[in-house]
Amino acid sequence: MTMKRFKYQPILPPDEIRMLEIISAEAASDPIQVRLIYRPLSHMPHCIALSYEWGSPTRDFDIICDDKILKVTENLVTALRRLRTFHSQHVDPDMGGGGNLRITEQTLFWIDAISINQEDLDERSQQLGEEREGTSDAWELLQPLSEQVDNFQAYANDDNRERYESTIICPGLMLKDLPQHPAWEDILDIFASRTVFSRLWTLQETCLAPRSQISLLCGSNEMPWDTFSNTASMLWRFGENKRSGIFMNILTRRLLQKEIPLPKKDLQDVLLMAGMHVLVTDQRDRVFGVLGMFGDDMRAAFEQMGYHNSPAEIFRVASEVMVNHGKGLEYLLCVPAVRGQTSTSNSTLDYPSWVWMLEYWRTEDHLHHSEMNNKLPALPREEKYPKPVIQCDELLCHGLIFDTVTVAAPNISPENFDGMLLNMHFLHDIMVEHSSSTKSPPERTFARLRSIYFRMVVTLDAVFDPVEQYKGWIARVMLREWERSATIDGIFEPDFWRGVKLSVLAEQAVLGRPHLDGSLLHKMLRHDQDENLTGEGRNVFITSRGYYGVGVFGPNLASSESAVQIDDRIVVLPGVEQPVVLRPVGNSKYRLVGPAFIPEIEMDELLQQGAERPLELIHIV
């Protein structure tokens, strides 16, 4: 007999929720069966909330829910099957499970993919309001990390049982000696590979639940949250950069747990964190996945927002909150790419350019970086000029229109990088030949470009010489160009290229560290969460006052427009530590392009006198 497809019954207002029981099975291979239990949140019995990684969003796997077929994801089936093994009342201590976790057929679970009808947008939105209320002492949070963690078993064996009378992973594992242990690299990889902590919703879940009521399942081991996060903190200090993202996500939870509920002014910082090293399947969750950590006043601002709204609509409300209650216009520095040239949908062009379209980004995507050390001098603040305000679709603010872009290179790509580098190098030489500087052209060139190219190159010692690196880099690029030209047409001066002796280029080509050349290109290209290229690059520009700068990302096809373009304006805004690029659109209005990094601009006399200069009202649409 064929089972019918499961259909959800509506939940009753004002606060009813669905929970479920996992039905025991005689064999591990038996189908997963659950039964739903409906209870008002105000009369909640003890319940375990399951936090797990959804994995593929495709629901291709069957479970039996109330004697009917319900389609779920593969990862959920794996998690349910794992939980069902805890039904046994006779836990073999050699197989783990020696902690506090006891699951029976009467244990109630809340699992988002089952407890919420994912096809009902109104119900999904309504459940957002229940998220914070659902973290009282009646709830326990459980996070399964994996099926097997064999190398961790080395630290949950007889030694632990003798010292701690338990196989629970505990503090005091002699971590100072772990880097010398044969399993050390495997342990780091185990932690770093648990991408459940890259899921945004797990951030809110672990921050809201009482710390003493969070347990993690790792293979056959149960681990209290405090122990896990303490261990992660220690591993982070020993770990390498390639694993730092997952450790930082875990440590962030430790910090935020102490501050809940967060004030409105922290929204920018939390959203920034929610975009860095954090993955979502629905971009709206960049906001919804953190709202529960804030107070009632924040959730009131999003009262009319839900999954029936587009991501752009939700991001607009978030931007308005940051302007009105956060850190003013500082969030503009977090824009990674020019709008309309990178979006897969033109619908985002229907929204004002000042809306922060949240998306995944890396630390390298942020032009405002502590290593740059070029904070702009202070301009007159709110006591002299009104605070920024949003009127209809316009952001009204006061600022100083400081400069205009006069030269804009194409957006950098792997194919054009060498050519762009040489074009900017020789263009600069032509420009400075007519200047009053007494420095030689190479020195003048390097003085203007070095901060852009080397702004985020981190070296481990003080031997790194940026002057030699630049000279060697240019020489290596020129030699490659010479070799390509010789191969293509066979016509070239035997001893010179671009007016420079080949023997001189050969001597200079050994300067610096050639392996850093590739990292410089890497910094100019945008990557996704898997470190794959997105087809976007930055471009270098020159202003009418002779400054060199680099802007946000834009598409780097040969036919693509430059991200920062000729006639764009360089604007300084009060309270914003980096300049931003605005594009005139007529009628004294501008569209936001994004932040820019312009070395030495902070020393300009015009800005040094900024506190005395009147600012003008700027309309950003």
Foldseek 3Di string as FASTA:
>chain_A
DAFAADDDDDADPDAKWKKKFWDADPDLPDATEIEIDIDGLVPDAQAEEEQEDQPDQDFDDWHAYPNHTYTGGPRVRVVSSVVNVLQDPDDDQQLAPQDDDHGHRPHIYDYPVPGFDPVDFVRQFSVLVCVLSPQDPSYFYEYEQDAALPLCVVQQDPVCCVVPVHSARAPDSPLVCLVVDPCNVVVLCSQLVSCSLLALLVLQVLLRHDQQRYWYHYNNYIYRLVRVLVVLVSVLVVDDPVRNLSSVSSVVSVVLSVVFQDELQCLLVQLLNLQESHDDPALLCSPSSCQSRHDPVSVVLCVVPTPVDHLQVSLQSSLQSCCPPYLHLQSLQVAFFFPPQQDPDCVNVVAFLSRRRGHHAYPLSRPDDPLLPQFADFFDDCVVPPRWHDDDRKIKAWWDQDFFFAFWDAFDDPVCPLVQLVVLLVVQLVVCVPPPDPDDSLVVSCVQCLCVLCVPPDDDDPPADSSLVSQLLNLVSQVVVVVVVCVPPVDDDPQDTPRHGNVVSVVSNVTGDVVCSVVSSLSQFGAGSVRHTSQWGWIWTAIPVGWIKIWHIGHRDPPGDHLQDGGWTFIDGGSHGFTFTWDDDDPQATEGSGTMDIPPPSVDPCSVCNHVDGIDMYIGD
